[in-house]
Structure formats: C-alpha cells, structure tokens
Amino acid sequence: MNELFGAAMLKSRSAATAAPLVAIALLVAPLSPAISETYLYSASCEKSYSIRGTQSDDLTKKARRPIRCDFLVLSLLDNGNVLLQIVGNDSQLTPTGFAASRLDYDANPNFITMPLEKIYLPHSDPSKPETVSGIEGFCFLDGKLNVRALKAVSCAAKIELGTQKLVYSINVRVTESGRLMPEQ
C-alpha cells in the first residue's frame, strides 16, 4: 500500500495571520502516490466539534469537543480521489482529514458535494495514520465554479466502530482564496 507523507512550509503574507512558518502535514494515504493539485486556504472553524460515545448513548446529551482551525487544505489527486484537511496552527496532532473518491458537481446545484469514504483521525504520530473507512457523511464545498475561490466548507460524518460511535460536524469559513501549493 503506497503512502505519501509530505510537509509544506508556508510563510504567512497578511498581518492578521503573521506567523514565522506554519508546518502542515499532508497525509495522503493510501489514495495515490501523486497529487495533481493541492490548495491551501486561510480559514476559521465555526461551531465545529466532535462527539464520542457508545452505540446506546444519546449524543445530543454528550459534551462536544470543539474543533479549531486556521487552514483548510484541499488535495485533488491524479486518480480522482480527494482529501480535505482541517488544520490548526497550535495543534500538536495531525490534521483531521476527510477523503472521497470523487467530487460531485451535479448532485446539488449550489455546492460541490464530496461523498465521504474515509476519515483520517487526529493523532500524535504522523508516520502512522489512523484511518477509518466505511464512514457515513458528506462535505459540501461552497465554490461551485472555482475550487480556488471556496467561501465555506461543511462536513458531517458518523463513524461506528464496535460499541463506539463518533460524530464530526465541521463548519469552515474560508477567509482567503486558495493558494496552489507549492506556490507558483
């Protein structure tokens, strides 16, 4: 199984996001050994969270773990697969990633739909990705005509593993147009 682990060092250009360097781990595994296009967007997560519980738990009554983000990374792979990552500047964990085998431009007239197939769970060791396949969920990308000019991304995903279930609700507001990486 091929796995690609890359890192892009990015220099911030605006005073609002001034930081010396931001390291973003691009975990693209085992989708494809080649990335055709990767875009980096400045962004902020709004009302984003995860909830974990047992199969019998009413998750509406469980505490939500907030998810914070500063960047969104969208990788469009040569084989048609797609990886969307939610990246926090101050996180000591790998980014949460959502993967699909395609983008659907026709299902919804207002959004690009990404039917989810896999999630990359945040964890501390980038050399050992923690992935779960067979998830239920979708991401909706508001940028129908131009993927570089995304305005917002919303994802909802449910994972069931044995007696446990995990729900992600991600709402990202894009604050700056996507930059093709490496910058050209």
Protein backbone atom coordinates (compact mmCIF):
# COMPACT_ATOMS: atom_id res chain seq x y z
CA MET A 1 0.00 0.00 0.00
CA ASN A 2 1.55 3.29 -1.08
CA GLU A 3 1.56 6.13 1.40
CA LEU A 4 2.75 9.64 0.79
CA PHE A 5 3.75 11.89 3.64
CA GLY A 6 4.79 15.40 2.73
CA ALA A 7 5.22 18.65 4.57
CA ALA A 8 4.79 22.12 3.19
CA MET A 9 6.37 25.04 4.97
CA LEU A 10 4.28 28.12 4.41
CA LYS A 11 5.03 31.73 5.10
CA SER A 12 2.08 33.90 6.04
CA ARG A 13 1.53 37.04 3.98
CA SER A 14 -1.03 39.05 5.91
CA ALA A 15 -0.68 40.87 9.21
CA ALA A 16 -3.75 39.06 10.54
CA THR A 17 -2.10 35.66 10.11
CA ALA A 18 1.51 36.72 10.66
CA ALA A 19 3.49 33.77 11.98
CA PRO A 20 7.06 32.79 11.15
CA LEU A 21 6.25 29.48 9.49
CA VAL A 22 3.36 27.09 9.59
CA ALA A 23 4.03 23.39 9.09
CA ILE A 24 1.21 21.45 7.55
CA ALA A 25 1.43 17.71 7.27
CA LEU A 26 -0.20 16.45 4.11
CA LEU A 27 -1.27 12.92 4.87
CA VAL A 28 -2.33 11.38 1.62
CA ALA A 29 -2.50 7.68 2.23
CA PRO A 30 -3.17 5.25 0.51
CA LEU A 31 -5.12 7.22 -2.06
CA SER A 32 -2.45 7.88 -4.67
CA PRO A 33 1.28 8.31 -4.94
CA ALA A 34 0.80 11.54 -6.92
CA ILE A 35 -1.00 14.77 -6.13
CA SER A 36 -2.12 16.76 -9.12
CA GLU A 37 -3.23 19.88 -7.22
CA THR A 38 -3.18 20.97 -3.58
CA TYR A 39 -4.74 24.22 -2.39
CA LEU A 40 -4.19 25.98 0.93
CA TYR A 41 -6.89 28.30 2.27
CA SER A 42 -6.78 30.57 5.32
CA ALA A 43 -9.88 29.68 7.28
CA SER A 44 -11.63 29.55 10.63
CA CYS A 45 -13.84 26.85 12.10
CA GLU A 46 -17.19 27.99 13.45
CA LYS A 47 -19.31 25.78 15.70
CA SER A 48 -17.20 22.76 14.72
CA TYR A 49 -16.98 19.79 17.06
CA SER A 50 -16.73 16.05 17.56
CA ILE A 51 -18.76 13.87 19.91
CA ARG A 52 -17.83 10.38 21.07
CA GLY A 53 -19.98 7.83 22.84
CA THR A 54 -21.25 4.28 22.90
CA GLN A 55 -23.79 2.95 20.42
CA SER A 56 -26.54 3.32 23.03
CA ASP A 57 -25.63 6.92 24.02
CA ASP A 58 -27.80 9.86 23.04
CA LEU A 59 -25.03 12.03 21.58
CA THR A 60 -27.17 15.17 21.82
CA LYS A 61 -26.65 14.94 25.59
CA LYS A 62 -22.88 14.34 25.44
CA ALA A 63 -20.24 17.05 25.71
CA ARG A 64 -18.93 18.34 22.40
CA ARG A 65 -15.19 18.63 21.85
CA PRO A 66 -14.61 21.89 19.94
CA ILE A 67 -12.54 21.79 16.76
CA ARG A 68 -10.48 24.83 15.91
CA CYS A 69 -8.79 25.54 12.59
CA ASP A 70 -6.65 28.14 10.86
CA PHE A 71 -6.25 26.49 7.47
CA LEU A 72 -8.04 24.20 5.08
CA VAL A 73 -6.05 22.00 2.66
CA LEU A 74 -7.73 20.51 -0.40
CA SER A 75 -5.80 17.90 -2.41
CA LEU A 76 -7.14 16.76 -5.78
CA LEU A 77 -5.27 13.60 -6.74
CA ASP A 78 -4.41 12.38 -10.23
CA ASN A 79 -6.66 9.33 -9.84
CA GLY A 80 -9.72 11.48 -8.96
CA ASN A 81 -9.52 10.96 -5.20
CA VAL A 82 -9.90 13.96 -2.92
CA LEU A 83 -8.52 14.77 0.55
CA LEU A 84 -9.78 17.67 2.65
CA GLN A 85 -7.83 18.51 5.83
CA ILE A 86 -8.74 20.77 8.74
CA VAL A 87 -5.52 22.27 10.15
CA GLY A 88 -4.96 24.15 13.42
CA ASN A 89 -1.87 26.32 13.90
CA ASP A 90 -1.38 25.34 17.51
CA SER A 91 -2.39 21.68 17.30
CA GLN A 92 0.12 19.06 18.34
CA LEU A 93 -1.91 16.46 16.43
CA THR A 94 -2.11 15.55 12.77
CA PRO A 95 -4.95 17.28 10.90
CA THR A 96 -8.40 15.76 10.72
CA GLY A 97 -8.85 14.62 7.12
CA PHE A 98 -11.86 13.61 5.05
CA ALA A 99 -11.35 11.50 1.92
CA ALA A 100 -13.50 10.63 -1.07
CA SER A 101 -13.01 9.01 -4.45
CA ARG A 102 -14.64 11.91 -6.28
CA LEU A 103 -16.30 15.30 -6.16
CA ASP A 104 -19.89 15.50 -7.36
CA TYR A 105 -20.69 18.73 -9.21
CA ASP A 106 -24.24 17.67 -10.18
CA ALA A 107 -25.98 16.40 -7.01
CA ASN A 108 -26.57 19.88 -5.59
CA PRO A 109 -26.96 22.98 -7.78
CA ASN A 110 -25.41 25.24 -5.13
CA PHE A 111 -22.46 23.23 -3.82
CA ILE A 112 -19.78 20.76 -4.78
CA THR A 113 -20.64 17.56 -2.89
CA MET A 114 -17.94 15.26 -1.52
CA PRO A 115 -19.43 11.85 -0.53
CA LEU A 116 -17.12 10.69 2.27
CA GLU A 117 -15.49 7.26 2.30
CA LYS A 118 -12.69 7.62 4.82
CA ILE A 119 -11.60 9.82 7.70
CA TYR A 120 -8.10 10.48 8.98
CA LEU A 121 -8.37 10.86 12.74
CA PRO A 122 -6.19 13.41 14.54
CA HIS A 123 -3.33 11.80 16.46
CA SER A 124 0.24 12.47 17.55
CA ASP A 125 2.33 10.28 15.20
CA PRO A 126 2.22 11.35 11.53
CA SER A 127 4.17 8.26 10.45
CA LYS A 128 1.22 6.04 11.45
CA PRO A 129 -2.03 7.44 10.03
CA GLU A 130 -5.18 6.46 11.87
CA THR A 131 -7.84 5.98 9.23
CA VAL A 132 -11.37 4.65 9.33
CA SER A 133 -13.10 3.51 6.15
CA GLY A 134 -16.77 2.92 5.55
CA ILE A 135 -17.95 6.11 7.23
CA GLU A 136 -21.25 7.85 6.59
CA GLY A 137 -21.18 11.51 5.62
CA PHE A 138 -20.68 14.33 3.19
CA CYS A 139 -18.74 17.54 2.78
CA PHE A 140 -20.26 20.46 0.91
CA LEU A 141 -17.92 22.96 -0.74
CA ASP A 142 -19.33 26.41 -1.49
CA GLY A 143 -17.36 27.35 -4.57
CA LYS A 144 -19.15 25.65 -7.43
CA LEU A 145 -17.47 27.46 -10.29
CA ASN A 146 -13.93 27.76 -8.95
CA VAL A 147 -12.38 25.47 -6.35
CA ARG A 148 -9.73 28.13 -5.67
CA ALA A 149 -12.42 30.58 -4.57
CA LEU A 150 -14.14 28.48 -1.90
CA LYS A 151 -16.23 30.51 0.54
CA ALA A 152 -17.13 27.81 3.03
CA VAL A 153 -16.96 24.06 3.67
CA SER A 154 -19.31 22.00 5.84
CA CYS A 155 -18.75 18.34 6.70
CA ALA A 156 -20.83 15.90 8.70
CA ALA A 157 -19.56 12.38 9.34
CA LYS A 158 -20.54 9.44 11.53
CA ILE A 159 -18.20 6.60 12.40
CA GLU A 160 -19.26 3.38 14.12
CA LEU A 161 -16.57 1.07 15.47
CA GLY A 162 -17.74 -1.87 17.55
CA THR A 163 -19.57 -0.44 20.55
CA GLN A 164 -18.35 3.13 19.91
CA LYS A 165 -19.60 5.91 17.67
CA LEU A 166 -18.04 9.24 16.76
CA VAL A 167 -19.65 12.19 15.04
CA TYR A 168 -17.87 15.12 13.37
CA SER A 169 -19.56 18.39 12.48
CA ILE A 170 -17.22 20.80 10.69
CA ASN A 171 -18.15 24.31 9.53
CA VAL A 172 -15.29 26.23 7.96
CA ARG A 173 -15.41 29.82 6.80
CA VAL A 174 -12.70 30.47 4.20
CA THR A 175 -11.06 33.85 4.82
CA GLU A 176 -8.61 33.92 1.90
CA SER A 177 -8.68 32.39 -1.59
CA GLY A 178 -6.84 29.13 -2.06
CA ARG A 179 -3.16 29.16 -2.98
CA LEU A 180 -1.87 26.38 -5.18
CA MET A 181 0.89 24.53 -3.32
CA PRO A 182 3.74 24.69 -3.77
CA GLU A 183 3.15 28.33 -4.52
CA GLN A 184 3.54 29.13 -8.19
